[in-house]
């Protein structure tokens, strides 16, 4: 279904290549996880239709910016307690 919708929407990359359903799913999951790194992997997996949490882990690539923000926030909160 997602493949059909992506083709109908003519979603392409900057280089003009057609975007695959896999890429859309990966981008969705990675963006959601990076916006809220504390989101439960089981919830993310349920949104993706996964029954095995190990299938979801491949989508949870944390960006360097998110890692830095989490460290800075946690370190700041530790210093101010």
PDB file of N, CA and C in Angstrom:
ATOM      1  N   UNK A   1       0.817  -1.189   0.000  1.00  0.00           N
ATOM      2  CA  UNK A   1       0.000   0.000   0.000  1.00  0.00           C
ATOM      3  C   UNK A   1       0.870   1.265   0.000  1.00  0.00           C
ATOM      4  N   UNK A   2       1.891   1.287   0.844  1.00  0.00           N
ATOM      5  CA  UNK A   2       2.747   2.468   0.914  1.00  0.00           C
ATOM      6  C   UNK A   2       3.500   2.650  -0.402  1.00  0.00           C
ATOM      7  N   UNK A   3       3.928   1.554  -1.004  1.00  0.00           N
ATOM      8  CA  UNK A   3       4.628   1.646  -2.295  1.00  0.00           C
ATOM      9  C   UNK A   3       3.727   2.293  -3.335  1.00  0.00           C
ATOM     10  N   UNK A   4       2.486   1.864  -3.376  1.00  0.00           N
ATOM     11  CA  UNK A   4       1.524   2.427  -4.326  1.00  0.00           C
ATOM     12  C   UNK A   4       1.314   3.914  -4.065  1.00  0.00           C
ATOM     13  N   UNK A   5       1.127   4.276  -2.803  1.00  0.00           N
ATOM     14  CA  UNK A   5       0.916   5.685  -2.454  1.00  0.00           C
ATOM     15  C   UNK A   5       2.137   6.544  -2.794  1.00  0.00           C
ATOM     16  N   UNK A   6       3.331   6.010  -2.537  1.00  0.00           N
ATOM     17  CA  UNK A   6       4.554   6.762  -2.849  1.00  0.00           C
ATOM     18  C   UNK A   6       4.678   6.979  -4.351  1.00  0.00           C
ATOM     19  N   UNK A   7       4.346   5.953  -5.140  1.00  0.00           N
ATOM     20  CA  UNK A   7       4.410   6.097  -6.593  1.00  0.00           C
ATOM     21  C   UNK A   7       3.370   7.089  -7.092  1.00  0.00           C
ATOM     22  N   UNK A   8       2.162   7.031  -6.536  1.00  0.00           N
ATOM     23  CA  UNK A   8       1.100   7.955  -6.939  1.00  0.00           C
ATOM     24  C   UNK A   8       1.458   9.394  -6.580  1.00  0.00           C
ATOM     25  N   UNK A   9       2.113   9.574  -5.432  1.00  0.00           N
ATOM     26  CA  UNK A   9       2.503  10.913  -4.999  1.00  0.00           C
ATOM     27  C   UNK A   9       3.745  11.400  -5.734  1.00  0.00           C
ATOM     28  N   UNK A  10       4.397  10.482  -6.449  1.00  0.00           N
ATOM     29  CA  UNK A  10       5.616  10.798  -7.194  1.00  0.00           C
ATOM     30  C   UNK A  10       6.679  11.416  -6.272  1.00  0.00           C
ATOM     31  N   UNK A  11       6.853  10.783  -5.124  1.00  0.00           N
ATOM     32  CA  UNK A  11       7.841  11.247  -4.152  1.00  0.00           C
ATOM     33  C   UNK A  11       9.228  10.874  -4.652  1.00  0.00           C
ATOM     34  N   UNK A  12      10.094  11.874  -4.772  1.00  0.00           N
ATOM     35  CA  UNK A  12      11.450  11.631  -5.264  1.00  0.00           C
ATOM     36  C   UNK A  12      12.474  12.282  -4.345  1.00  0.00           C
ATOM     37  N   UNK A  13      13.699  11.816  -4.468  1.00  0.00           N
ATOM     38  CA  UNK A  13      14.803  12.406  -3.724  1.00  0.00           C
ATOM     39  C   UNK A  13      15.287  13.650  -4.456  1.00  0.00           C
ATOM     40  N   UNK A  14      16.217  14.364  -3.859  1.00  0.00           N
ATOM     41  CA  UNK A  14      16.782  15.554  -4.506  1.00  0.00           C
ATOM     42  C   UNK A  14      17.438  15.212  -5.835  1.00  0.00           C
ATOM     43  N   UNK A  15      17.952  13.991  -5.940  1.00  0.00           N
ATOM     44  CA  UNK A  15      18.603  13.581  -7.190  1.00  0.00           C
ATOM     45  C   UNK A  15      17.600  13.057  -8.224  1.00  0.00           C
ATOM     46  N   UNK A  16      16.295  13.038  -7.871  1.00  0.00           N
ATOM     47  CA  UNK A  16      15.268  12.622  -8.814  1.00  0.00           C
ATOM     48  C   UNK A  16      14.901  11.156  -8.766  1.00  0.00           C
ATOM     49  N   UNK A  17      15.517  10.389  -7.861  1.00  0.00           N
ATOM     50  CA  UNK A  17      15.198   8.961  -7.742  1.00  0.00           C
ATOM     51  C   UNK A  17      13.869   8.774  -7.010  1.00  0.00           C
ATOM     52  N   UNK A  18      13.138   7.748  -7.403  1.00  0.00           N
ATOM     53  CA  UNK A  18      11.875   7.419  -6.737  1.00  0.00           C
ATOM     54  C   UNK A  18      12.157   6.960  -5.312  1.00  0.00           C
ATOM     55  N   UNK A  19      11.360   7.411  -4.361  1.00  0.00           N
ATOM     56  CA  UNK A  19      11.520   7.012  -2.967  1.00  0.00           C
ATOM     57  C   UNK A  19      10.754   5.711  -2.742  1.00  0.00           C
ATOM     58  N   UNK A  20      11.426   4.748  -2.126  1.00  0.00           N
ATOM     59  CA  UNK A  20      10.803   3.444  -1.879  1.00  0.00           C
ATOM     60  C   UNK A  20       9.969   3.472  -0.597  1.00  0.00           C
ATOM     61  N   UNK A  21       9.077   2.513  -0.483  1.00  0.00           N
ATOM     62  CA  UNK A  21       8.277   2.368   0.732  1.00  0.00           C
ATOM     63  C   UNK A  21       9.195   2.123   1.933  1.00  0.00           C
ATOM     64  N   UNK A  22      10.247   1.335   1.729  1.00  0.00           N
ATOM     65  CA  UNK A  22      11.201   1.067   2.815  1.00  0.00           C
ATOM     66  C   UNK A  22      11.833   2.367   3.303  1.00  0.00           C
ATOM     67  N   UNK A  23      12.232   3.225   2.379  1.00  0.00           N
ATOM     68  CA  UNK A  23      12.855   4.498   2.760  1.00  0.00           C
ATOM     69  C   UNK A  23      11.867   5.383   3.520  1.00  0.00           C
ATOM     70  N   UNK A  24      10.606   5.401   3.080  1.00  0.00           N
ATOM     71  CA  UNK A  24       9.595   6.193   3.795  1.00  0.00           C
ATOM     72  C   UNK A  24       9.400   5.674   5.217  1.00  0.00           C
ATOM     73  N   UNK A  25       9.307   4.361   5.359  1.00  0.00           N
ATOM     74  CA  UNK A  25       9.144   3.767   6.694  1.00  0.00           C
ATOM     75  C   UNK A  25      10.358   4.072   7.578  1.00  0.00           C
ATOM     76  N   UNK A  26      11.542   3.905   6.996  1.00  0.00           N
ATOM     77  CA  UNK A  26      12.776   4.156   7.736  1.00  0.00           C
ATOM     78  C   UNK A  26      12.847   5.625   8.174  1.00  0.00           C
ATOM     79  N   UNK A  27      12.528   6.534   7.268  1.00  0.00           N
ATOM     80  CA  UNK A  27      12.563   7.960   7.586  1.00  0.00           C
ATOM     81  C   UNK A  27      11.539   8.306   8.656  1.00  0.00           C
ATOM     82  N   UNK A  28      10.329   7.754   8.541  1.00  0.00           N
ATOM     83  CA  UNK A  28       9.293   7.985   9.543  1.00  0.00           C
ATOM     84  C   UNK A  28       9.760   7.539  10.923  1.00  0.00           C
ATOM     85  N   UNK A  29      10.239   6.306  11.000  1.00  0.00           N
ATOM     86  CA  UNK A  29      10.641   5.753  12.291  1.00  0.00           C
ATOM     87  C   UNK A  29      11.839   6.490  12.874  1.00  0.00           C
ATOM     88  N   UNK A  30      12.818   6.776  12.045  1.00  0.00           N
ATOM     89  CA  UNK A  30      14.015   7.459  12.527  1.00  0.00           C
ATOM     90  C   UNK A  30      13.689   8.885  12.974  1.00  0.00           C
ATOM     91  N   UNK A  31      12.862   9.585  12.203  1.00  0.00           N
ATOM     92  CA  UNK A  31      12.478  10.953  12.575  1.00  0.00           C
ATOM     93  C   UNK A  31      11.694  10.957  13.874  1.00  0.00           C
ATOM     94  N   UNK A  32      10.726  10.055  13.999  1.00  0.00           N
ATOM     95  CA  UNK A  32       9.941   9.974  15.228  1.00  0.00           C
ATOM     96  C   UNK A  32      10.844   9.684  16.419  1.00  0.00           C
ATOM     97  N   UNK A  33      11.767   8.760  16.249  1.00  0.00           N
ATOM     98  CA  UNK A  33      12.672   8.396  17.341  1.00  0.00           C
ATOM     99  C   UNK A  33      13.609   9.545  17.695  1.00  0.00           C
ATOM    100  N   UNK A  34      14.093  10.271  16.678  1.00  0.00           N
ATOM    101  CA  UNK A  34      14.993  11.385  16.948  1.00  0.00           C
ATOM    102  C   UNK A  34      14.266  12.567  17.588  1.00  0.00           C
ATOM    103  N   UNK A  35      12.989  12.734  17.291  1.00  0.00           N
ATOM    104  CA  UNK A  35      12.201  13.814  17.911  1.00  0.00           C
ATOM    105  C   UNK A  35      11.879  13.484  19.360  1.00  0.00           C
ATOM    106  N   UNK A  36      11.782  12.200  19.665  1.00  0.00           N
ATOM    107  CA  UNK A  36      11.451  11.763  21.015  1.00  0.00           C
ATOM    108  C   UNK A  36      12.217  10.477  21.316  1.00  0.00           C
ATOM    109  N   UNK A  37      13.520  10.595  21.666  1.00  0.00           N
ATOM    110  CA  UNK A  37      14.335   9.398  21.867  1.00  0.00           C
ATOM    111  C   UNK A  37      13.874   8.509  23.027  1.00  0.00           C
ATOM    112  N   UNK A  38      12.953   8.992  23.824  1.00  0.00           N
ATOM    113  CA  UNK A  38      12.460   8.178  24.933  1.00  0.00           C
ATOM    114  C   UNK A  38      11.199   7.401  24.552  1.00  0.00           C
ATOM    115  N   UNK A  39      10.799   7.490  23.262  1.00  0.00           N
ATOM    116  CA  UNK A  39       9.636   6.731  22.803  1.00  0.00           C
ATOM    117  C   UNK A  39       9.930   5.245  22.962  1.00  0.00           C
ATOM    118  N   UNK A  40       8.955   4.520  23.439  1.00  0.00           N
ATOM    119  CA  UNK A  40       9.099   3.084  23.658  1.00  0.00           C
ATOM    120  C   UNK A  40       9.250   2.371  22.314  1.00  0.00           C
ATOM    121  N   UNK A  41      10.242   1.516  22.209  1.00  0.00           N
ATOM    122  CA  UNK A  41      10.491   0.777  20.972  1.00  0.00           C
ATOM    123  C   UNK A  41       9.284  -0.102  20.623  1.00  0.00           C
ATOM    124  N   UNK A  42       8.557  -0.586  21.625  1.00  0.00           N
ATOM    125  CA  UNK A  42       7.375  -1.402  21.355  1.00  0.00           C
ATOM    126  C   UNK A  42       6.277  -0.574  20.695  1.00  0.00           C
ATOM    127  N   UNK A  43       6.130   0.683  21.114  1.00  0.00           N
ATOM    128  CA  UNK A  43       5.142   1.565  20.485  1.00  0.00           C
ATOM    129  C   UNK A  43       5.552   1.858  19.049  1.00  0.00           C
ATOM    130  N   UNK A  44       6.808   2.170  18.860  1.00  0.00           N
ATOM    131  CA  UNK A  44       7.314   2.427  17.512  1.00  0.00           C
ATOM    132  C   UNK A  44       7.111   1.198  16.629  1.00  0.00           C
ATOM    133  N   UNK A  45       7.408   0.043  17.157  1.00  0.00           N
ATOM    134  CA  UNK A  45       7.225  -1.201  16.412  1.00  0.00           C
ATOM    135  C   UNK A  45       5.763  -1.443  16.063  1.00  0.00           C
ATOM    136  N   UNK A  46       4.876  -1.119  16.980  1.00  0.00           N
ATOM    137  CA  UNK A  46       3.449  -1.276  16.718  1.00  0.00           C
ATOM    138  C   UNK A  46       3.000  -0.349  15.591  1.00  0.00           C
ATOM    139  N   UNK A  47       3.504   0.881  15.587  1.00  0.00           N
ATOM    140  CA  UNK A  47       3.175   1.820  14.508  1.00  0.00           C
ATOM    141  C   UNK A  47       3.665   1.319  13.154  1.00  0.00           C
ATOM    142  N   UNK A  48       4.771   0.584  13.163  1.00  0.00           N
ATOM    143  CA  UNK A  48       5.332   0.046  11.927  1.00  0.00           C
ATOM    144  C   UNK A  48       4.749  -1.323  11.564  1.00  0.00           C
ATOM    145  N   UNK A  49       3.952  -1.887  12.470  1.00  0.00           N
ATOM    146  CA  UNK A  49       3.360  -3.197  12.211  1.00  0.00           C
ATOM    147  C   UNK A  49       4.284  -4.353  12.513  1.00  0.00           C
ATOM    148  N   UNK A  50       5.273  -4.135  13.358  1.00  0.00           N
ATOM    149  CA  UNK A  50       6.228  -5.196  13.707  1.00  0.00           C
ATOM    150  C   UNK A  50       5.702  -5.995  14.892  1.00  0.00           C
ATOM    151  N   UNK A  51       5.934  -7.290  14.865  1.00  0.00           N
ATOM    152  CA  UNK A  51       5.596  -8.127  16.015  1.00  0.00           C
ATOM    153  C   UNK A  51       6.833  -8.423  16.865  1.00  0.00           C
ATOM    154  N   UNK A  52       8.012  -8.234  16.286  1.00  0.00           N
ATOM    155  CA  UNK A  52       9.268  -8.511  16.984  1.00  0.00           C
ATOM    156  C   UNK A  52      10.032  -7.204  17.206  1.00  0.00           C
ATOM    157  N   UNK A  53      10.321  -6.831  18.463  1.00  0.00           N
ATOM    158  CA  UNK A  53      11.055  -5.593  18.745  1.00  0.00           C
ATOM    159  C   UNK A  53      12.416  -5.517  18.042  1.00  0.00           C
ATOM    160  N   UNK A  54      13.018  -6.683  17.770  1.00  0.00           N
ATOM    161  CA  UNK A  54      14.311  -6.668  17.073  1.00  0.00           C
ATOM    162  C   UNK A  54      14.180  -6.121  15.654  1.00  0.00           C
ATOM    163  N   UNK A  55      13.014  -6.281  15.056  1.00  0.00           N
ATOM    164  CA  UNK A  55      12.789  -5.722  13.720  1.00  0.00           C
ATOM    165  C   UNK A  55      12.783  -4.198  13.768  1.00  0.00           C
ATOM    166  N   UNK A  56      12.350  -3.647  14.887  1.00  0.00           N
ATOM    167  CA  UNK A  56      12.221  -2.202  15.030  1.00  0.00           C
ATOM    168  C   UNK A  56      13.562  -1.540  15.319  1.00  0.00           C
ATOM    169  N   UNK A  57      14.452  -2.238  15.963  1.00  0.00           N
ATOM    170  CA  UNK A  57      15.722  -1.641  16.370  1.00  0.00           C
ATOM    171  C   UNK A  57      16.524  -1.078  15.208  1.00  0.00           C
ATOM    172  N   UNK A  58      16.367  -1.636  14.020  1.00  0.00           N
ATOM    173  CA  UNK A  58      17.125  -1.132  12.878  1.00  0.00           C
ATOM    174  C   UNK A  58      16.685   0.270  12.474  1.00  0.00           C
ATOM    175  N   UNK A  59      15.489   0.678  12.906  1.00  0.00           N
ATOM    176  CA  UNK A  59      14.980   1.999  12.568  1.00  0.00           C
ATOM    177  C   UNK A  59      15.355   3.058  13.595  1.00  0.00           C
ATOM    178  N   UNK A  60      15.920   2.643  14.693  1.00  0.00           N
ATOM    179  CA  UNK A  60      16.160   3.576  15.790  1.00  0.00           C
ATOM    180  C   UNK A  60      17.600   4.078  15.785  1.00  0.00           C
ATOM    181  N   UNK A  61      17.972   4.725  14.717  1.00  0.00           N
ATOM    182  CA  UNK A  61      19.300   5.325  14.610  1.00  0.00           C
ATOM    183  C   UNK A  61      19.227   6.722  15.224  1.00  0.00           C
ATOM    184  N   UNK A  62      19.958   6.921  16.278  1.00  0.00           N
ATOM    185  CA  UNK A  62      19.926   8.208  16.966  1.00  0.00           C
ATOM    186  C   UNK A  62      20.957   9.130  16.335  1.00  0.00           C
ATOM    187  N   UNK A  63      20.516  10.324  15.993  1.00  0.00           N
ATOM    188  CA  UNK A  63      21.434  11.274  15.376  1.00  0.00           C
ATOM    189  C   UNK A  63      22.405  11.828  16.422  1.00  0.00           C
ATOM    190  N   UNK A  64      23.519  12.347  15.961  1.00  0.00           N
ATOM    191  CA  UNK A  64      24.509  12.942  16.858  1.00  0.00           C
ATOM    192  C   UNK A  64      23.926  14.148  17.583  1.00  0.00           C
ATOM    193  N   UNK A  65      23.067  14.912  16.914  1.00  0.00           N
ATOM    194  CA  UNK A  65      22.437  16.068  17.553  1.00  0.00           C
ATOM    195  C   UNK A  65      21.568  15.644  18.733  1.00  0.00           C
ATOM    196  N   UNK A  66      20.815  14.558  18.550  1.00  0.00           N
ATOM    197  CA  UNK A  66      19.959  14.068  19.632  1.00  0.00           C
ATOM    198  C   UNK A  66      20.813  13.566  20.784  1.00  0.00           C
ATOM    199  N   UNK A  67      21.873  12.833  20.492  1.00  0.00           N
ATOM    200  CA  UNK A  67      22.758  12.349  21.557  1.00  0.00           C
ATOM    201  C   UNK A  67      23.351  13.524  22.335  1.00  0.00           C
ATOM    202  N   UNK A  68      23.789  14.551  21.612  1.00  0.00           N
ATOM    203  CA  UNK A  68      24.355  15.723  22.271  1.00  0.00           C
ATOM    204  C   UNK A  68      23.301  16.408  23.144  1.00  0.00           C
ATOM    205  N   UNK A  69      22.100  16.589  22.613  1.00  0.00           N
ATOM    206  CA  UNK A  69      21.040  17.250  23.380  1.00  0.00           C
ATOM    207  C   UNK A  69      20.679  16.475  24.638  1.00  0.00           C
ATOM    208  N   UNK A  70      20.599  15.148  24.522  1.00  0.00           N
ATOM    209  CA  UNK A  70      20.275  14.331  25.688  1.00  0.00           C
ATOM    210  C   UNK A  70      21.377  14.436  26.734  1.00  0.00           C
ATOM    211  N   UNK A  71      22.623  14.344  26.285  1.00  0.00           N
ATOM    212  CA  UNK A  71      23.744  14.461  27.228  1.00  0.00           C
ATOM    213  C   UNK A  71      23.761  15.825  27.893  1.00  0.00           C
ATOM    214  N   UNK A  72      23.589  16.879  27.115  1.00  0.00           N
ATOM    215  CA  UNK A  72      23.611  18.229  27.681  1.00  0.00           C
ATOM    216  C   UNK A  72      22.467  18.429  28.670  1.00  0.00           C
ATOM    217  N   UNK A  73      21.286  17.948  28.320  1.00  0.00           N
ATOM    218  CA  UNK A  73      20.127  18.094  29.208  1.00  0.00           C
ATOM    219  C   UNK A  73      20.317  17.290  30.477  1.00  0.00           C
ATOM    220  N   UNK A  74      20.731  16.030  30.327  1.00  0.00           N
ATOM    221  CA  UNK A  74      20.918  15.181  31.501  1.00  0.00           C
ATOM    222  C   UNK A  74      22.043  15.697  32.388  1.00  0.00           C
ATOM    223  N   UNK A  75      23.134  16.132  31.786  1.00  0.00           N
ATOM    224  CA  UNK A  75      24.233  16.679  32.586  1.00  0.00           C
ATOM    225  C   UNK A  75      23.811  17.963  33.276  1.00  0.00           C
ATOM    226  N   UNK A  76      23.048  18.797  32.589  1.00  0.00           N
ATOM    227  CA  UNK A  76      22.568  20.042  33.176  1.00  0.00           C
ATOM    228  C   UNK A  76      21.661  19.734  34.364  1.00  0.00           C
ATOM    229  N   UNK A  77      20.753  18.774  34.174  1.00  0.00           N
ATOM    230  CA  UNK A  77      19.811  18.419  35.239  1.00  0.00           C
ATOM    231  C   UNK A  77      20.539  17.789  36.423  1.00  0.00           C
ATOM    232  N   UNK A  78      21.606  17.031  36.166  1.00  0.00           N
ATOM    233  CA  UNK A  78      22.370  16.416  37.252  1.00  0.00           C
ATOM    234  C   UNK A  78      23.076  17.489  38.071  1.00  0.00           C
ATOM    235  N   UNK A  79      23.581  18.522  37.403  1.00  0.00           N
ATOM    236  CA  UNK A  79      24.286  19.582  38.102  1.00  0.00           C
ATOM    237  C   UNK A  79      23.356  20.466  38.918  1.00  0.00           C
ATOM    238  N   UNK A  80      22.106  20.544  38.544  1.00  0.00           N
ATOM    239  CA  UNK A  80      21.165  21.455  39.186  1.00  0.00           C
ATOM    240  C   UNK A  80      20.208  20.776  40.148  1.00  0.00           C
ATOM    241  N   UNK A  81      20.565  19.594  40.625  1.00  0.00           N
ATOM    242  CA  UNK A  81      19.698  18.895  41.597  1.00  0.00           C
ATOM    243  C   UNK A  81      20.201  19.131  42.990  1.00  0.00           C
TER     244      UNK A  81
END
